[in-house]
Amino acid sequence: MSARQFLSTALFIVLPLLARALDAGVSYAVFKTPDGRPYLEVNLEIAAGSIMYRHIDSTHLEAAAEVLILVRKGEEIVNYEKYILNSPRVTFPESLLDAKRLVLPPGQYMLDVVVTDVNDATNTDRFSGPLTVQFDNKITLTEVQLLRSFRADNSDGPFTKNGYHLEPLPFAFYDKDATRLAFYAEIYQADQSVTEGKYTVRYVIEKELGNGQKTLVAAGSQEKSPSSIDALLVQMDISKMESGNYSLTVELRKNGNELLVSRVVPFQRSNPFLDLTATGLTDEVVEKQFVQQLDKEQLVYCMRAISVLMTGDRSQAIINILKSGDEKQMRFYIFRHFAERDPNSPELAYRDYIAVADAANVKFRSGFRYGFETDRGRMFMRFGQASDIVHVEDEPGAPPYEIWVYYKFPSTNQTNVKFLFYNPSLAGDDFILLHSTARGEISNPKWERELYRRNPTEYSDDNYGDAKNVQRNNGRNARAFFEDF
């Protein structure tokens, strides 16, 4: 059977008439007609912001792409399609979606897809992948096609099959608005491998944890009677799945749990607002909690204090709530956050956290933002008080700087971790993190040259471009403090 490949790169949001590098998603699978002829189905999606839309009148836009689908064996072209894919008339750019089917004899091939922007011939994207077309007399499961949606439809169109309109998802990406994962596959020759009783179709979703580790998120199954051809159309609830990388595995098993065949397809999920709609946290619950006593200034202060510890989707969720100014959402988010930290006493967790934020705000406040939003304040919030601090204000050739030392650093299980902050602008007390030995934090091998940049000729290496250190002049102590403290 064919391998399924994905060409998935970043999606771009752009203004009409301004396109970025063409971004085409390709997925494909091999099926066969009721009379047994194999055919290749290629699904194509072109991201809206990556193709040039032109005005056709004062309000409407159009885009077009030249698509070449080529199936070859070595240099021999076995089958191909070359055509122009036109967008509908729209008022704002939309993604272009298409599907093509090509009849192929059994064999090993290469599939090439070339997509070119009609309005900009230099804007192109290419895909190439191996393709196997082979059906034998044993049970076969086609590659699994992820779907954006499906609906009953008996018309004749590029996306209709077996009485359904199947809208493909070539980028294998479910955004925050998606609540269901749907997939389609076909099963052939089950009656050749399962001669008695029924067989089971099992499908599971697992989250990728890294280093080959996975955790089960959802599962389902159904029993089927053996037949020469059968269709599999399934949808699964993903509304409560957090953002991350996942895999969908579909297996066919005999009743004795013997594995007959399986397919795995990876996909990504973005669900940045999952935490705001957590099951069991209702308006009635939040209305009885301590967050109701917080005024808007306190709510904003707390949200900003929480944000310094957040990254990715969680950070973006806070930004969106702060921009909206919605006090109800702020209360909801704050209570949920501290209920996770201490389910038995979220109010105490809140008060303890705000006490730390207040201390950081007083100690590190600059004229432009809260103290906990500065580099030193963020490190204080994340890692606590340093074991020792060296503060230097009058060293020749250097701006004011501080070195923080953590003798024990539980975050990475390191010891003797150091942070170097400096104030190159000499404005207020807004020190910037220049270098750290903590894993995952800023590491700048040329930190010493940056710190003493007022003396650019006093470097210690022969080649200025490679130099990392500066000369050991009198009163120049940062290297000694950093290495020997």
Protein backbone atom coordinates (compact mmCIF):
# COMPACT_ATOMS: atom_id res chain seq x y z
CA MET A 1 0.00 0.00 0.00
CA SER A 2 1.01 3.60 -0.40
CA ALA A 3 2.82 5.59 2.22
CA ARG A 4 1.16 8.78 3.31
CA GLN A 5 3.24 11.91 3.45
CA PHE A 6 2.60 15.39 4.68
CA LEU A 7 4.14 18.61 3.53
CA SER A 8 3.26 20.91 6.41
CA THR A 9 4.92 24.22 7.16
CA ALA A 10 3.91 27.32 9.04
CA LEU A 11 0.60 28.96 8.16
CA PHE A 12 0.79 32.67 7.44
CA ILE A 13 -1.70 35.44 8.11
CA VAL A 14 -1.26 38.26 5.61
CA LEU A 15 -3.16 41.09 4.06
CA PRO A 16 -4.82 40.63 0.65
CA LEU A 17 -2.47 40.94 -2.33
CA LEU A 18 0.59 40.13 -0.17
CA ALA A 19 1.72 36.50 -0.39
CA ARG A 20 4.57 34.70 1.34
CA ALA A 21 6.40 31.55 0.29
CA LEU A 22 3.86 29.11 -1.15
CA ASP A 23 2.72 26.69 1.52
CA ALA A 24 1.10 23.55 0.11
CA GLY A 25 -0.04 20.56 2.15
CA VAL A 26 -0.18 17.20 0.39
CA SER A 27 -1.63 13.88 1.55
CA TYR A 28 -2.30 10.80 -0.54
CA ALA A 29 -3.55 7.23 -0.39
CA VAL A 30 -4.29 4.35 -2.76
CA PHE A 31 -7.80 2.90 -3.03
CA LYS A 32 -9.48 0.64 -5.54
CA THR A 33 -12.73 0.75 -7.44
CA PRO A 34 -15.50 -1.83 -6.89
CA ASP A 35 -14.24 -3.72 -9.94
CA GLY A 36 -10.74 -3.95 -8.44
CA ARG A 37 -8.81 -1.24 -10.29
CA PRO A 38 -6.37 0.67 -8.03
CA TYR A 39 -6.26 4.45 -8.09
CA LEU A 40 -4.28 7.14 -6.34
CA GLU A 41 -6.08 9.94 -4.51
CA VAL A 42 -4.05 13.12 -3.91
CA ASN A 43 -5.40 15.79 -1.56
CA LEU A 44 -3.99 19.29 -1.80
CA GLU A 45 -4.37 22.41 0.36
CA ILE A 46 -2.74 25.79 -0.28
CA ALA A 47 -2.58 28.08 2.76
CA ALA A 48 -4.51 31.32 2.22
CA GLY A 49 -1.69 33.65 3.19
CA SER A 50 0.90 31.97 0.99
CA ILE A 51 -0.64 32.62 -2.44
CA MET A 52 -1.17 35.98 -4.12
CA TYR A 53 -4.76 37.17 -4.29
CA ARG A 54 -5.60 39.87 -6.84
CA HIS A 55 -8.56 42.25 -6.89
CA ILE A 56 -11.00 41.48 -9.69
CA ASP A 57 -13.27 44.35 -8.68
CA SER A 58 -13.59 46.78 -5.76
CA THR A 59 -14.56 44.08 -3.24
CA HIS A 60 -13.65 40.66 -4.61
CA LEU A 61 -10.37 38.75 -4.76
CA GLU A 62 -9.17 35.74 -6.71
CA ALA A 63 -6.12 33.48 -6.70
CA ALA A 64 -4.97 30.62 -8.88
CA ALA A 65 -2.30 27.94 -8.80
CA GLU A 66 -0.83 25.72 -11.48
CA VAL A 67 -0.70 22.16 -10.16
CA LEU A 68 1.40 19.35 -11.60
CA ILE A 69 0.87 15.85 -10.20
CA LEU A 70 3.40 13.41 -11.62
CA VAL A 71 3.68 9.65 -11.01
CA ARG A 72 6.92 8.21 -12.31
CA LYS A 73 8.97 5.05 -12.24
CA GLY A 74 12.54 6.22 -12.53
CA GLU A 75 12.48 8.66 -15.44
CA GLU A 76 9.37 7.06 -16.98
CA ILE A 77 6.15 9.04 -16.48
CA VAL A 78 3.35 6.61 -15.69
CA ASN A 79 0.52 9.12 -15.18
CA TYR A 80 0.12 12.83 -14.56
CA GLU A 81 -2.32 15.71 -14.14
CA LYS A 82 -1.55 19.33 -14.95
CA TYR A 83 -4.21 21.93 -14.36
CA ILE A 84 -5.09 25.36 -12.99
CA LEU A 85 -6.73 25.43 -9.55
CA ASN A 86 -8.82 28.61 -9.22
CA SER A 87 -10.12 30.00 -5.96
CA PRO A 88 -13.73 31.13 -5.69
CA ARG A 89 -14.42 34.86 -5.63
CA VAL A 90 -13.91 35.96 -2.04
CA THR A 91 -13.72 39.16 -0.02
CA PHE A 92 -10.81 37.86 2.10
CA PRO A 93 -8.16 35.24 1.21
CA GLU A 94 -9.15 31.62 1.82
CA SER A 95 -7.23 28.35 1.53
CA LEU A 96 -7.50 26.48 -1.76
CA LEU A 97 -8.50 22.81 -1.51
CA ASP A 98 -8.56 20.13 -4.18
CA ALA A 99 -8.49 16.36 -4.74
CA LYS A 100 -7.41 14.39 -7.80
CA ARG A 101 -7.66 10.68 -8.60
CA LEU A 102 -5.33 8.87 -11.00
CA VAL A 103 -5.69 5.25 -12.12
CA LEU A 104 -2.44 3.30 -11.68
CA PRO A 105 -1.27 -0.29 -12.27
CA PRO A 106 0.45 -2.12 -9.38
CA GLY A 107 4.06 -1.11 -8.84
CA GLN A 108 6.58 1.04 -7.00
CA TYR A 109 6.60 4.72 -7.94
CA MET A 110 7.61 8.22 -6.95
CA LEU A 111 4.96 10.89 -6.56
CA ASP A 112 5.94 14.49 -7.40
CA VAL A 113 3.65 17.45 -6.80
CA VAL A 114 4.63 20.93 -7.96
CA VAL A 115 2.44 23.92 -7.13
CA THR A 116 3.10 27.36 -8.66
CA ASP A 117 1.34 30.64 -7.97
CA VAL A 118 -0.20 31.80 -11.27
CA ASN A 119 0.18 35.44 -10.19
CA ASP A 120 3.82 34.98 -9.19
CA ALA A 121 5.77 32.34 -11.11
CA THR A 122 8.66 32.55 -8.61
CA ASN A 123 6.37 31.45 -5.76
CA THR A 124 6.37 27.66 -5.83
CA ASP A 125 6.32 24.61 -3.58
CA ARG A 126 7.35 21.03 -4.29
CA PHE A 127 6.65 17.66 -2.76
CA SER A 128 8.10 14.23 -3.53
CA GLY A 129 7.47 10.88 -1.85
CA PRO A 130 7.48 7.12 -2.49
CA LEU A 131 4.30 5.41 -3.63
CA THR A 132 3.40 1.71 -3.52
CA VAL A 133 0.40 0.36 -5.40
CA GLN A 134 -0.15 -3.26 -4.40
CA PHE A 135 -3.24 -5.30 -3.52
CA ASP A 136 -3.00 -9.02 -2.77
CA ASN A 137 -5.40 -11.60 -1.36
CA LYS A 138 -4.83 -10.83 2.33
CA ILE A 139 -6.65 -8.27 4.46
CA THR A 140 -5.61 -4.71 3.62
CA LEU A 141 -6.18 -1.38 5.35
CA THR A 142 -5.62 1.70 3.23
CA GLU A 143 -3.75 4.70 4.54
CA VAL A 144 -5.90 6.71 6.94
CA GLN A 145 -7.17 10.04 5.62
CA LEU A 146 -7.72 12.75 8.21
CA LEU A 147 -10.79 14.86 7.52
CA ARG A 148 -11.71 18.43 8.31
CA SER A 149 -15.39 17.49 8.06
CA PHE A 150 -17.84 15.14 6.33
CA ARG A 151 -21.51 15.10 5.42
CA ALA A 152 -23.95 12.93 3.50
CA ASP A 153 -23.77 13.73 -0.21
CA ASN A 154 -24.67 11.57 -3.20
CA SER A 155 -23.55 14.06 -5.84
CA ASP A 156 -20.55 13.53 -8.10
CA GLY A 157 -17.60 15.68 -7.05
CA PRO A 158 -13.88 15.52 -6.24
CA PHE A 159 -14.56 15.14 -2.51
CA THR A 160 -17.47 12.67 -2.62
CA LYS A 161 -17.08 8.96 -1.96
CA ASN A 162 -19.52 6.24 -0.89
CA GLY A 163 -22.36 8.73 -0.40
CA TYR A 164 -20.33 11.25 1.63
CA HIS A 165 -18.61 14.55 1.02
CA LEU A 166 -15.21 14.09 2.67
CA GLU A 167 -13.25 17.30 3.16
CA PRO A 168 -9.59 16.31 3.61
CA LEU A 169 -7.08 17.79 6.05
CA PRO A 170 -3.73 17.62 4.21
CA PHE A 171 -1.86 19.71 6.79
CA ALA A 172 -2.94 17.27 9.56
CA PHE A 173 -3.56 20.22 11.88
CA TYR A 174 -6.67 20.71 14.03
CA ASP A 175 -7.03 24.31 15.19
CA LYS A 176 -8.73 25.72 18.28
CA ASP A 177 -12.18 25.66 16.63
CA ALA A 178 -12.09 21.92 15.93
CA THR A 179 -14.01 19.69 18.33
CA ARG A 180 -14.00 16.44 16.32
CA LEU A 181 -11.34 14.41 14.61
CA ALA A 182 -12.72 12.47 11.66
CA PHE A 183 -10.96 9.94 9.48
CA TYR A 184 -11.68 7.71 6.51
CA ALA A 185 -10.12 4.46 5.31
CA GLU A 186 -11.12 1.40 3.33
CA ILE A 187 -10.67 -2.29 4.16
CA TYR A 188 -10.17 -4.90 1.46
CA GLN A 189 -10.15 -8.72 1.46
CA ALA A 190 -11.21 -9.10 5.08
CA ASP A 191 -13.07 -12.23 4.01
CA GLN A 192 -9.75 -13.75 2.91
CA SER A 193 -8.13 -13.43 6.35
CA VAL A 194 -11.13 -13.72 8.68
CA THR A 195 -13.03 -16.83 7.69
CA GLU A 196 -14.92 -17.30 10.94
CA GLY A 197 -16.78 -14.79 13.10
CA LYS A 198 -16.11 -11.07 13.07
CA TYR A 199 -13.07 -8.87 13.39
CA THR A 200 -12.47 -5.69 15.38
CA VAL A 201 -11.44 -2.25 14.21
CA ARG A 202 -9.63 -0.44 17.04
CA TYR A 203 -8.55 3.19 16.91
CA VAL A 204 -6.56 5.07 19.52
CA ILE A 205 -5.20 8.60 19.89
CA GLU A 206 -1.94 9.01 21.78
CA LYS A 207 -0.08 12.17 22.73
CA GLU A 208 3.62 12.33 21.89
CA LEU A 209 5.64 13.04 25.03
CA GLY A 210 9.07 12.98 23.41
CA ASN A 211 11.87 10.40 23.46
CA GLY A 212 9.49 7.85 21.94
CA GLN A 213 7.11 8.05 24.89
CA LYS A 214 3.33 8.32 24.39
CA THR A 215 0.25 8.50 26.56
CA LEU A 216 -3.21 7.24 25.65
CA VAL A 217 -5.77 10.03 25.19
CA ALA A 218 -8.79 8.40 23.53
CA ALA A 219 -9.83 5.03 22.11
CA GLY A 220 -12.73 3.39 20.34
CA SER A 221 -13.59 0.22 18.50
CA GLN A 222 -16.24 -1.46 16.38
CA GLU A 223 -16.91 -4.97 15.17
CA LYS A 224 -17.23 -5.77 11.49
CA SER A 225 -18.31 -8.77 9.48
CA PRO A 226 -15.74 -9.89 6.91
CA SER A 227 -16.35 -8.71 3.36
CA SER A 228 -14.31 -8.08 0.23
CA ILE A 229 -14.56 -4.30 0.61
CA ASP A 230 -15.70 -2.08 3.46
CA ALA A 231 -15.52 1.62 4.30
CA LEU A 232 -14.47 3.04 7.65
CA LEU A 233 -15.70 6.53 8.58
CA VAL A 234 -15.15 7.50 12.24
CA GLN A 235 -15.19 10.67 14.29
CA MET A 236 -13.72 11.16 17.76
CA ASP A 237 -14.14 13.94 20.31
CA ILE A 238 -10.99 16.09 20.62
CA SER A 239 -12.59 19.12 22.30
CA LYS A 240 -10.74 18.44 25.57
CA MET A 241 -7.39 17.59 23.98
CA GLU A 242 -4.66 20.08 24.83
CA SER A 243 -2.25 21.52 22.29
CA GLY A 244 0.52 19.18 21.16
CA ASN A 245 1.66 16.46 18.78
CA TYR A 246 -0.46 13.32 18.55
CA SER A 247 -0.77 10.10 16.58
CA LEU A 248 -3.86 8.21 15.47
CA THR A 249 -3.44 4.43 15.21
CA VAL A 250 -6.02 2.26 13.44
CA GLU A 251 -5.76 -1.51 13.89
CA LEU A 252 -7.62 -4.53 12.54
CA ARG A 253 -7.65 -7.47 14.95
CA LYS A 254 -9.16 -10.94 15.03
CA ASN A 255 -11.43 -11.74 17.95
CA GLY A 256 -8.53 -13.47 19.65
CA ASN A 257 -6.78 -10.05 19.62
CA GLU A 258 -4.36 -11.13 16.90
CA LEU A 259 -3.15 -8.03 15.05
CA LEU A 260 -3.86 -8.28 11.34
CA VAL A 261 -2.77 -4.86 10.10
CA SER A 262 -2.38 -1.31 11.41
CA ARG A 263 -1.83 2.25 10.20
CA VAL A 264 -0.48 5.27 12.07
CA VAL A 265 -0.97 8.89 11.10
CA PRO A 266 0.51 11.87 13.02
CA PHE A 267 -1.34 15.13 13.56
CA GLN A 268 -1.12 18.34 15.55
CA ARG A 269 -3.69 19.93 17.82
CA SER A 270 -3.94 23.57 18.89
CA ASN A 271 -6.32 24.21 21.76
CA PRO A 272 -5.06 27.37 23.49
CA PHE A 273 -8.29 28.06 25.32
CA LEU A 274 -8.85 24.59 26.71
CA ASP A 275 -8.04 25.77 30.23
CA LEU A 276 -10.78 28.37 30.05
CA THR A 277 -13.46 25.77 29.46
CA ALA A 278 -12.34 23.04 31.82
CA THR A 279 -15.06 20.55 32.67
CA GLY A 280 -16.61 21.16 36.07
CA LEU A 281 -15.58 24.82 36.38
CA THR A 282 -18.85 26.69 35.92
CA ASP A 283 -19.93 30.30 36.43
CA GLU A 284 -21.77 29.23 39.57
CA VAL A 285 -18.57 27.79 41.06
CA VAL A 286 -16.45 30.84 40.24
CA GLU A 287 -19.07 33.27 41.59
CA LYS A 288 -18.54 31.82 45.08
CA GLN A 289 -14.76 32.13 45.09
CA PHE A 290 -12.25 34.75 46.28
CA VAL A 291 -11.75 36.13 42.77
CA GLN A 292 -15.09 37.92 43.03
CA GLN A 293 -13.56 40.34 45.57
CA LEU A 294 -10.79 41.42 43.18
CA ASP A 295 -11.25 44.69 41.32
CA LYS A 296 -10.07 45.16 37.74
CA GLU A 297 -6.67 46.57 38.74
CA GLN A 298 -6.01 43.54 40.94
CA LEU A 299 -7.20 41.18 38.21
CA VAL A 300 -4.86 42.70 35.61
CA TYR A 301 -1.97 42.73 38.09
CA CYS A 302 -2.49 39.03 38.86
CA MET A 303 -2.86 38.04 35.20
CA ARG A 304 0.38 39.82 34.35
CA ALA A 305 2.12 38.17 37.30
CA ILE A 306 0.95 34.74 36.13
CA SER A 307 2.01 35.43 32.54
CA VAL A 308 5.73 35.63 33.42
CA LEU A 309 5.70 31.87 34.07
CA MET A 310 3.75 30.96 30.93
CA THR A 311 4.91 30.11 27.42
CA GLY A 312 3.28 29.11 24.15
CA ASP A 313 -0.49 28.76 24.00
CA ARG A 314 -0.97 29.52 27.69
CA SER A 315 0.90 32.80 27.37
CA GLN A 316 -1.15 33.69 24.30
CA ALA A 317 -4.38 32.92 26.15
CA ILE A 318 -3.46 35.44 28.86
CA ILE A 319 -2.53 38.06 26.26
CA ASN A 320 -5.89 37.60 24.54
CA ILE A 321 -7.84 37.90 27.80
CA LEU A 322 -5.94 41.04 28.84
CA LYS A 323 -6.59 42.60 25.44
CA SER A 324 -10.30 41.85 25.76
CA GLY A 325 -10.51 43.47 29.21
CA ASP A 326 -13.14 40.87 30.14
CA GLU A 327 -13.16 40.71 33.96
CA LYS A 328 -15.26 37.54 33.98
CA GLN A 329 -12.67 35.68 31.91
CA MET A 330 -9.90 37.01 34.14
CA ARG A 331 -11.65 35.71 37.27
CA PHE A 332 -12.29 32.38 35.59
CA TYR A 333 -8.66 32.04 34.50
CA ILE A 334 -7.15 33.14 37.84
CA PHE A 335 -9.30 30.76 39.87
CA ARG A 336 -8.64 27.82 37.56
CA HIS A 337 -4.89 28.53 37.66
CA PHE A 338 -4.65 28.52 41.44
CA ALA A 339 -7.11 25.64 41.82
CA GLU A 340 -4.63 23.59 39.78
CA ARG A 341 -1.75 24.67 42.01
CA ASP A 342 -3.60 23.87 45.23
CA PRO A 343 -7.04 22.24 44.78
CA ASN A 344 -7.63 22.27 48.51
CA SER A 345 -6.92 25.96 49.05
CA PRO A 346 -6.71 27.98 45.83
CA GLU A 347 -7.14 31.26 47.74
CA LEU A 348 -4.07 30.53 49.86
CA ALA A 349 -2.10 29.64 46.72
CA TYR A 350 -3.19 32.95 45.21
CA ARG A 351 -2.14 34.97 48.26
CA ASP A 352 1.24 33.24 48.49
CA TYR A 353 1.90 33.85 44.82
CA ILE A 354 0.89 37.51 44.95
CA ALA A 355 3.17 37.98 47.98
CA VAL A 356 6.11 36.79 45.85
CA ALA A 357 4.98 38.97 42.93
CA ASP A 358 4.74 41.98 45.25
CA ALA A 359 8.28 41.35 46.51
CA ALA A 360 9.60 41.08 42.93
CA ASN A 361 7.70 44.20 41.93
CA VAL A 362 9.22 46.26 44.77
CA LYS A 363 12.76 44.90 44.35
CA PHE A 364 13.05 44.99 40.54
CA ARG A 365 10.49 47.55 39.38
CA SER A 366 11.56 49.70 36.44
CA GLY A 367 9.90 52.80 35.09
CA PHE A 368 8.27 50.90 32.26
CA ARG A 369 6.72 47.76 33.74
CA TYR A 370 6.12 45.78 36.89
CA GLY A 371 9.20 44.43 38.62
CA PHE A 372 8.22 40.82 37.98
CA GLU A 373 8.16 41.55 34.24
CA THR A 374 11.85 42.47 34.13
CA ASP A 375 14.47 39.80 33.47
CA ARG A 376 15.57 39.69 37.10
CA GLY A 377 11.96 39.68 38.27
CA ARG A 378 11.06 36.76 36.00
CA MET A 379 14.01 34.72 37.24
CA PHE A 380 13.04 35.56 40.82
CA MET A 381 9.46 34.40 40.15
CA ARG A 382 10.57 31.24 38.41
CA PHE A 383 13.50 30.10 40.54
CA GLY A 384 13.22 32.01 43.80
CA GLN A 385 15.86 33.94 45.70
CA ALA A 386 19.43 33.26 44.57
CA SER A 387 21.82 31.72 47.10
CA ASP A 388 24.27 34.60 46.57
CA ILE A 389 24.29 37.81 44.54
CA VAL A 390 27.29 39.88 43.41
CA HIS A 391 26.29 43.45 42.51
CA VAL A 392 28.86 45.65 40.71
CA GLU A 393 28.29 49.29 39.74
CA ASP A 394 31.73 50.89 39.36
CA GLU A 395 33.87 48.49 37.35
CA PRO A 396 36.02 50.22 34.67
CA GLY A 397 34.73 49.66 31.14
CA ALA A 398 31.56 47.84 32.22
CA PRO A 399 27.99 48.95 32.91
CA PRO A 400 26.40 47.91 36.23
CA TYR A 401 25.95 44.14 36.41
CA GLU A 402 24.82 41.40 38.78
CA ILE A 403 25.75 37.75 39.07
CA TRP A 404 23.23 35.43 40.71
CA VAL A 405 24.38 32.07 42.02
CA TYR A 406 22.08 29.11 42.81
CA TYR A 407 24.01 26.41 44.63
CA LYS A 408 21.13 23.99 44.08
CA PHE A 409 18.93 24.38 41.03
CA PRO A 410 16.03 21.87 41.15
CA SER A 411 14.56 23.02 37.82
CA THR A 412 17.34 21.26 35.89
CA ASN A 413 18.98 19.21 38.69
CA GLN A 414 22.13 21.30 38.24
CA THR A 415 24.38 22.74 40.92
CA ASN A 416 26.20 26.07 41.08
CA VAL A 417 24.05 27.68 38.38
CA LYS A 418 24.78 31.30 37.55
CA PHE A 419 22.95 34.16 35.85
CA LEU A 420 24.60 37.37 34.64
CA PHE A 421 22.42 40.47 34.30
CA TYR A 422 23.62 43.86 33.09
CA ASN A 423 22.31 47.37 32.46
CA PRO A 424 23.88 48.60 29.18
CA SER A 425 21.53 51.58 28.86
CA LEU A 426 22.19 52.80 32.43
CA ALA A 427 18.47 53.64 32.53
CA GLY A 428 16.87 52.88 35.86
CA ASP A 429 17.29 49.39 37.26
CA ASP A 430 16.09 47.42 34.26
CA PHE A 431 18.87 44.84 34.08
CA ILE A 432 18.91 42.45 31.08
CA LEU A 433 19.88 38.77 31.23
CA LEU A 434 23.14 38.44 29.28
CA HIS A 435 24.28 34.89 30.06
CA SER A 436 23.40 31.85 32.16
CA THR A 437 24.71 28.36 32.82
CA ALA A 438 21.18 27.02 33.42
CA ARG A 439 20.02 24.59 30.77
CA GLY A 440 17.31 26.08 28.60
CA GLU A 441 18.19 29.69 29.47
CA ILE A 442 20.16 32.27 27.47
CA SER A 443 23.73 31.13 26.88
CA ASN A 444 26.11 33.66 25.31
CA PRO A 445 29.71 32.41 24.89
CA LYS A 446 30.80 35.99 24.09
CA TRP A 447 29.17 37.53 27.15
CA GLU A 448 32.42 39.02 28.40
CA ARG A 449 33.01 40.93 25.17
CA GLU A 450 29.44 42.24 25.28
CA LEU A 451 29.80 43.32 28.90
CA TYR A 452 33.04 45.22 28.13
CA ARG A 453 32.03 46.44 24.68
CA ARG A 454 33.21 49.97 25.56
CA ASN A 455 36.73 48.61 24.98
CA PRO A 456 36.30 46.72 21.69
CA THR A 457 40.05 46.38 21.00
CA GLU A 458 40.94 44.72 24.28
CA TYR A 459 40.05 41.17 23.38
CA SER A 460 42.32 38.25 24.25
CA ASP A 461 42.14 36.13 21.08
CA ASP A 462 44.07 36.64 17.83
CA ASN A 463 40.93 36.71 15.68
CA TYR A 464 38.42 39.35 16.72
CA GLY A 465 35.53 37.51 15.08
CA ASP A 466 36.17 34.39 17.18
CA ALA A 467 37.20 36.13 20.37
CA LYS A 468 35.15 35.36 23.47
CA ASN A 469 37.22 36.89 26.27
CA VAL A 470 38.76 40.26 27.02
CA GLN A 471 42.10 41.18 28.54
CA ARG A 472 42.50 40.90 32.31
CA ASN A 473 43.01 44.57 33.17
CA ASN A 474 43.00 45.94 36.69
CA GLY A 475 39.56 46.07 38.22
CA ARG A 476 38.01 43.81 35.56
CA ASN A 477 36.45 41.10 37.74
CA ALA A 478 33.39 39.70 35.98
CA ARG A 479 35.17 36.58 34.67
CA ALA A 480 36.66 35.83 38.10
CA PHE A 481 33.32 36.37 39.81
CA PHE A 482 31.52 34.18 37.29
CA GLU A 483 34.01 31.30 37.28
CA ASP A 484 35.35 31.30 40.82
CA PHE A 485 32.50 32.48 43.01
